[in-house]
Amino acid sequence: TPSTKYTIKHDESPGRAISKHDLGKFLVDSLDQAEHYQK
């Protein structure tokens, strides 16, 4: 499993657990990693 900097906070509401900025970066990183896996 790939290491990740993102942690899930169970004690917070889902809306506050991750900001839109972090979510966007997470999606970009995921897409970037997906491209590397295909090579």
PDB file of N, CA and C in Angstrom:
ATOM      1  N   THR A   1       0.837  -1.200   0.000  1.00  0.00           N
ATOM      2  CA  THR A   1       0.000   0.000   0.000  1.00  0.00           C
ATOM      3  C   THR A   1       0.871   1.250   0.000  1.00  0.00           C
ATOM      4  N   PRO A   2       0.534   2.225  -0.811  1.00  0.00           N
ATOM      5  CA  PRO A   2       1.316   3.461  -0.862  1.00  0.00           C
ATOM      6  C   PRO A   2       1.162   4.267   0.416  1.00  0.00           C
ATOM      7  N   SER A   3       2.256   4.848   0.861  1.00  0.00           N
ATOM      8  CA  SER A   3       2.176   5.690   2.052  1.00  0.00           C
ATOM      9  C   SER A   3       1.414   6.968   1.728  1.00  0.00           C
ATOM     10  N   THR A   4       0.730   7.501   2.714  1.00  0.00           N
ATOM     11  CA  THR A   4      -0.058   8.707   2.472  1.00  0.00           C
ATOM     12  C   THR A   4       0.105   9.693   3.604  1.00  0.00           C
ATOM     13  N   LYS A   5       0.008  10.969   3.281  1.00  0.00           N
ATOM     14  CA  LYS A   5       0.131  12.010   4.295  1.00  0.00           C
ATOM     15  C   LYS A   5      -1.233  12.356   4.873  1.00  0.00           C
ATOM     16  N   TYR A   6      -2.282  11.761   4.278  1.00  0.00           N
ATOM     17  CA  TYR A   6      -3.632  12.132   4.683  1.00  0.00           C
ATOM     18  C   TYR A   6      -4.125  11.228   5.806  1.00  0.00           C
ATOM     19  N   THR A   7      -4.708  11.817   6.821  1.00  0.00           N
ATOM     20  CA  THR A   7      -5.249  11.036   7.921  1.00  0.00           C
ATOM     21  C   THR A   7      -6.747  11.274   8.018  1.00  0.00           C
ATOM     22  N   ILE A   8      -7.463  10.223   8.398  1.00  0.00           N
ATOM     23  CA  ILE A   8      -8.913  10.345   8.552  1.00  0.00           C
ATOM     24  C   ILE A   8      -9.217  10.667  10.009  1.00  0.00           C
ATOM     25  N   LYS A   9      -9.952  11.738  10.216  1.00  0.00           N
ATOM     26  CA  LYS A   9     -10.276  12.148  11.577  1.00  0.00           C
ATOM     27  C   LYS A   9     -11.711  11.739  11.887  1.00  0.00           C
ATOM     28  N   HIS A  10     -11.864  10.687  12.674  1.00  0.00           N
ATOM     29  CA  HIS A  10     -13.187  10.143  12.948  1.00  0.00           C
ATOM     30  C   HIS A  10     -13.997  11.037  13.888  1.00  0.00           C
ATOM     31  N   ASP A  11     -13.302  11.890  14.627  1.00  0.00           N
ATOM     32  CA  ASP A  11     -14.014  12.708  15.610  1.00  0.00           C
ATOM     33  C   ASP A  11     -14.498  14.026  15.017  1.00  0.00           C
ATOM     34  N   GLU A  12     -14.289  14.232  13.732  1.00  0.00           N
ATOM     35  CA  GLU A  12     -14.758  15.470  13.110  1.00  0.00           C
ATOM     36  C   GLU A  12     -15.839  15.168  12.083  1.00  0.00           C
ATOM     37  N   SER A  13     -16.637  16.177  11.771  1.00  0.00           N
ATOM     38  CA  SER A  13     -17.661  15.993  10.750  1.00  0.00           C
ATOM     39  C   SER A  13     -16.985  15.806   9.393  1.00  0.00           C
ATOM     40  N   PRO A  14     -17.569  15.029   8.501  1.00  0.00           N
ATOM     41  CA  PRO A  14     -16.955  14.753   7.198  1.00  0.00           C
ATOM     42  C   PRO A  14     -16.593  16.024   6.439  1.00  0.00           C
ATOM     43  N   GLY A  15     -17.400  17.059   6.553  1.00  0.00           N
ATOM     44  CA  GLY A  15     -17.148  18.295   5.822  1.00  0.00           C
ATOM     45  C   GLY A  15     -15.874  18.986   6.277  1.00  0.00           C
ATOM     46  N   ARG A  16     -15.522  18.818   7.543  1.00  0.00           N
ATOM     47  CA  ARG A  16     -14.336  19.494   8.073  1.00  0.00           C
ATOM     48  C   ARG A  16     -13.114  18.583   8.088  1.00  0.00           C
ATOM     49  N   ALA A  17     -13.317  17.298   7.902  1.00  0.00           N
ATOM     50  CA  ALA A  17     -12.213  16.348   8.014  1.00  0.00           C
ATOM     51  C   ALA A  17     -11.128  16.655   6.986  1.00  0.00           C
ATOM     52  N   ILE A  18     -11.530  17.105   5.807  1.00  0.00           N
ATOM     53  CA  ILE A  18     -10.554  17.426   4.765  1.00  0.00           C
ATOM     54  C   ILE A  18     -11.032  18.649   4.003  1.00  0.00           C
ATOM     55  N   SER A  19     -10.147  19.600   3.812  1.00  0.00           N
ATOM     56  CA  SER A  19     -10.527  20.826   3.119  1.00  0.00           C
ATOM     57  C   SER A  19     -10.585  20.595   1.616  1.00  0.00           C
ATOM     58  N   LYS A  20     -11.261  21.486   0.909  1.00  0.00           N
ATOM     59  CA  LYS A  20     -11.355  21.345  -0.545  1.00  0.00           C
ATOM     60  C   LYS A  20      -9.974  21.431  -1.180  1.00  0.00           C
ATOM     61  N   HIS A  21      -9.101  22.244  -0.611  1.00  0.00           N
ATOM     62  CA  HIS A  21      -7.744  22.376  -1.146  1.00  0.00           C
ATOM     63  C   HIS A  21      -7.002  21.047  -1.021  1.00  0.00           C
ATOM     64  N   ASP A  22      -7.087  20.431   0.161  1.00  0.00           N
ATOM     65  CA  ASP A  22      -6.410  19.154   0.372  1.00  0.00           C
ATOM     66  C   ASP A  22      -7.034  18.068  -0.493  1.00  0.00           C
ATOM     67  N   LEU A  23      -8.362  18.113  -0.632  1.00  0.00           N
ATOM     68  CA  LEU A  23      -9.039  17.116  -1.454  1.00  0.00           C
ATOM     69  C   LEU A  23      -8.583  17.232  -2.903  1.00  0.00           C
ATOM     70  N   GLY A  24      -8.471  18.462  -3.391  1.00  0.00           N
ATOM     71  CA  GLY A  24      -8.008  18.677  -4.759  1.00  0.00           C
ATOM     72  C   GLY A  24      -6.588  18.166  -4.943  1.00  0.00           C
ATOM     73  N   LYS A  25      -5.728  18.447  -3.970  1.00  0.00           N
ATOM     74  CA  LYS A  25      -4.341  17.981  -4.059  1.00  0.00           C
ATOM     75  C   LYS A  25      -4.299  16.457  -4.020  1.00  0.00           C
ATOM     76  N   PHE A  26      -5.157  15.862  -3.201  1.00  0.00           N
ATOM     77  CA  PHE A  26      -5.213  14.408  -3.100  1.00  0.00           C
ATOM     78  C   PHE A  26      -5.597  13.791  -4.443  1.00  0.00           C
ATOM     79  N   LEU A  27      -6.588  14.391  -5.115  1.00  0.00           N
ATOM     80  CA  LEU A  27      -7.024  13.879  -6.413  1.00  0.00           C
ATOM     81  C   LEU A  27      -5.908  14.011  -7.441  1.00  0.00           C
ATOM     82  N   VAL A  28      -5.220  15.153  -7.439  1.00  0.00           N
ATOM     83  CA  VAL A  28      -4.121  15.365  -8.383  1.00  0.00           C
ATOM     84  C   VAL A  28      -3.005  14.358  -8.127  1.00  0.00           C
ATOM     85  N   ASP A  29      -2.669  14.152  -6.857  1.00  0.00           N
ATOM     86  CA  ASP A  29      -1.618  13.191  -6.526  1.00  0.00           C
ATOM     87  C   ASP A  29      -2.026  11.786  -6.943  1.00  0.00           C
ATOM     88  N   SER A  30      -3.294  11.441  -6.764  1.00  0.00           N
ATOM     89  CA  SER A  30      -3.781  10.114  -7.128  1.00  0.00           C
ATOM     90  C   SER A  30      -3.670   9.899  -8.630  1.00  0.00           C
ATOM     91  N   LEU A  31      -4.070  10.911  -9.400  1.00  0.00           N
ATOM     92  CA  LEU A  31      -3.981  10.809 -10.857  1.00  0.00           C
ATOM     93  C   LEU A  31      -2.523  10.713 -11.290  1.00  0.00           C
ATOM     94  N   ASP A  32      -1.656  11.481 -10.640  1.00  0.00           N
ATOM     95  CA  ASP A  32      -0.239  11.471 -10.979  1.00  0.00           C
ATOM     96  C   ASP A  32       0.355  10.093 -10.694  1.00  0.00           C
ATOM     97  N   GLN A  33      -0.012   9.495  -9.572  1.00  0.00           N
ATOM     98  CA  GLN A  33       0.483   8.166  -9.220  1.00  0.00           C
ATOM     99  C   GLN A  33      -0.059   7.123 -10.187  1.00  0.00           C
ATOM    100  N   ALA A  34      -1.312   7.258 -10.596  1.00  0.00           N
ATOM    101  CA  ALA A  34      -1.929   6.304 -11.513  1.00  0.00           C
ATOM    102  C   ALA A  34      -1.152   6.254 -12.827  1.00  0.00           C
ATOM    103  N   GLU A  35      -0.682   7.404 -13.280  1.00  0.00           N
ATOM    104  CA  GLU A  35       0.090   7.437 -14.522  1.00  0.00           C
ATOM    105  C   GLU A  35       1.405   6.681 -14.361  1.00  0.00           C
ATOM    106  N   HIS A  36       2.025   6.789 -13.199  1.00  0.00           N
ATOM    107  CA  HIS A  36       3.286   6.092 -12.964  1.00  0.00           C
ATOM    108  C   HIS A  36       3.068   4.586 -12.894  1.00  0.00           C
ATOM    109  N   TYR A  37       1.937   4.165 -12.337  1.00  0.00           N
ATOM    110  CA  TYR A  37       1.665   2.738 -12.194  1.00  0.00           C
ATOM    111  C   TYR A  37       1.468   2.070 -13.551  1.00  0.00           C
ATOM    112  N   GLN A  38       0.969   2.821 -14.523  1.00  0.00           N
ATOM    113  CA  GLN A  38       0.692   2.243 -15.835  1.00  0.00           C
ATOM    114  C   GLN A  38       1.970   2.010 -16.643  1.00  0.00           C
ATOM    115  N   LYS A  39       3.066   2.653 -16.253  1.00  0.00           N
ATOM    116  CA  LYS A  39       4.305   2.522 -17.026  1.00  0.00           C
ATOM    117  C   LYS A  39       5.025   1.215 -16.688  1.00  0.00           C
TER     118      LYS A  39
END
